Amino acid sequence: MTGRPVLWTKTARTDLNHIVDFIADNDAATALVVARRIEARSETLRHHPERGVLDARRDLSSLLFERLVR
């Protein structure tokens, strides 16, 4: 079973790009790690959609992230 596809809104993708660009200004390697962690965590919704916070009005799930870099 492949699960439901994880679709990013345009706003979410833009936000991720801004976050990564901001981090990359100081540390490109860390920016890449953060981007990969966010994308990998998001993909878990494919098989475990209950992990997200459902916004039924827009049929979207959101994920909350702990601090990704220390």
C-alpha atoms as a PDB file:
ATOM      1  CA  MET A   1       0.000   0.000   0.000  1.00  0.00           C
ATOM      2  CA  THR A   2       1.440   3.338  -1.047  1.00  0.00           C
ATOM      3  CA  GLY A   3      -0.791   5.634   1.021  1.00  0.00           C
ATOM      4  CA  ARG A   4      -2.156   9.027   0.084  1.00  0.00           C
ATOM      5  CA  PRO A   5       0.189  11.409  -1.665  1.00  0.00           C
ATOM      6  CA  VAL A   6       1.518  14.289   0.392  1.00  0.00           C
ATOM      7  CA  LEU A   7       0.731  17.532  -1.395  1.00  0.00           C
ATOM      8  CA  TRP A   8       2.349  20.802  -0.423  1.00  0.00           C
ATOM      9  CA  THR A   9       0.452  24.053  -0.771  1.00  0.00           C
ATOM     10  CA  LYS A  10       2.238  26.791  -2.663  1.00  0.00           C
ATOM     11  CA  THR A  11       2.473  28.768   0.586  1.00  0.00           C
ATOM     12  CA  ALA A  12       4.024  25.835   2.466  1.00  0.00           C
ATOM     13  CA  ARG A  13       6.616  25.258  -0.256  1.00  0.00           C
ATOM     14  CA  THR A  14       7.448  28.973  -0.352  1.00  0.00           C
ATOM     15  CA  ASP A  15       7.766  29.066   3.443  1.00  0.00           C
ATOM     16  CA  LEU A  16      10.132  26.085   3.373  1.00  0.00           C
ATOM     17  CA  ASN A  17      12.271  27.767   0.731  1.00  0.00           C
ATOM     18  CA  HIS A  18      12.457  30.956   2.810  1.00  0.00           C
ATOM     19  CA  ILE A  19      13.440  29.005   5.926  1.00  0.00           C
ATOM     20  CA  VAL A  20      16.151  27.123   4.050  1.00  0.00           C
ATOM     21  CA  ASP A  21      17.462  30.308   2.404  1.00  0.00           C
ATOM     22  CA  PHE A  22      17.597  32.064   5.777  1.00  0.00           C
ATOM     23  CA  ILE A  23      19.587  29.226   7.363  1.00  0.00           C
ATOM     24  CA  ALA A  24      21.822  28.891   4.300  1.00  0.00           C
ATOM     25  CA  ASP A  25      22.963  32.488   4.726  1.00  0.00           C
ATOM     26  CA  ASN A  26      24.935  31.237   7.736  1.00  0.00           C
ATOM     27  CA  ASP A  27      25.394  27.516   7.090  1.00  0.00           C
ATOM     28  CA  ALA A  28      24.490  25.824   3.799  1.00  0.00           C
ATOM     29  CA  ALA A  29      25.051  22.319   5.155  1.00  0.00           C
ATOM     30  CA  THR A  30      22.670  22.870   8.053  1.00  0.00           C
ATOM     31  CA  ALA A  31      20.082  24.348   5.683  1.00  0.00           C
ATOM     32  CA  LEU A  32      20.185  21.161   3.636  1.00  0.00           C
ATOM     33  CA  VAL A  33      19.790  19.008   6.762  1.00  0.00           C
ATOM     34  CA  VAL A  34      16.787  21.042   7.897  1.00  0.00           C
ATOM     35  CA  ALA A  35      15.144  20.846   4.468  1.00  0.00           C
ATOM     36  CA  ARG A  36      15.624  17.086   4.314  1.00  0.00           C
ATOM     37  CA  ARG A  37      14.256  16.574   7.830  1.00  0.00           C
ATOM     38  CA  ILE A  38      11.166  18.641   7.121  1.00  0.00           C
ATOM     39  CA  GLU A  39      10.506  16.868   3.837  1.00  0.00           C
ATOM     40  CA  ALA A  40      11.098  13.417   5.374  1.00  0.00           C
ATOM     41  CA  ARG A  41       8.820  14.171   8.317  1.00  0.00           C
ATOM     42  CA  SER A  42       6.153  15.463   5.952  1.00  0.00           C
ATOM     43  CA  GLU A  43       6.279  12.249   3.945  1.00  0.00           C
ATOM     44  CA  THR A  44       5.277  10.299   7.057  1.00  0.00           C
ATOM     45  CA  LEU A  45       1.780  11.685   6.501  1.00  0.00           C
ATOM     46  CA  ARG A  46       1.539   9.370   3.476  1.00  0.00           C
ATOM     47  CA  HIS A  47       1.127   6.333   5.716  1.00  0.00           C
ATOM     48  CA  HIS A  48       0.131   8.027   8.980  1.00  0.00           C
ATOM     49  CA  PRO A  49      -2.190  10.933   8.115  1.00  0.00           C
ATOM     50  CA  GLU A  50      -3.482  10.997  11.682  1.00  0.00           C
ATOM     51  CA  ARG A  51      -0.108  12.455  12.747  1.00  0.00           C
ATOM     52  CA  GLY A  52      -1.064  15.802  11.334  1.00  0.00           C
ATOM     53  CA  VAL A  53      -3.415  18.415  12.693  1.00  0.00           C
ATOM     54  CA  LEU A  54      -6.441  18.267  10.398  1.00  0.00           C
ATOM     55  CA  ASP A  55      -7.969  21.441   9.004  1.00  0.00           C
ATOM     56  CA  ALA A  56     -11.236  19.957   7.744  1.00  0.00           C
ATOM     57  CA  ARG A  57     -12.315  23.236   6.135  1.00  0.00           C
ATOM     58  CA  ARG A  58      -9.449  22.981   3.661  1.00  0.00           C
ATOM     59  CA  ASP A  59      -8.873  19.190   3.750  1.00  0.00           C
ATOM     60  CA  LEU A  60      -5.286  19.788   4.881  1.00  0.00           C
ATOM     61  CA  SER A  61      -3.085  18.345   7.577  1.00  0.00           C
ATOM     62  CA  SER A  62      -0.360  20.327   9.290  1.00  0.00           C
ATOM     63  CA  LEU A  63       2.670  19.048  11.150  1.00  0.00           C
ATOM     64  CA  LEU A  64       4.370  20.683  14.075  1.00  0.00           C
ATOM     65  CA  PHE A  65       8.127  20.353  14.337  1.00  0.00           C
ATOM     66  CA  GLU A  66      10.400  20.317  17.322  1.00  0.00           C
ATOM     67  CA  ARG A  67      13.645  22.226  17.142  1.00  0.00           C
ATOM     68  CA  LEU A  68      15.508  20.716  14.180  1.00  0.00           C
ATOM     69  CA  VAL A  69      18.948  22.164  14.857  1.00  0.00           C
ATOM     70  CA  ARG A  70      20.768  22.579  18.133  1.00  0.00           C
END
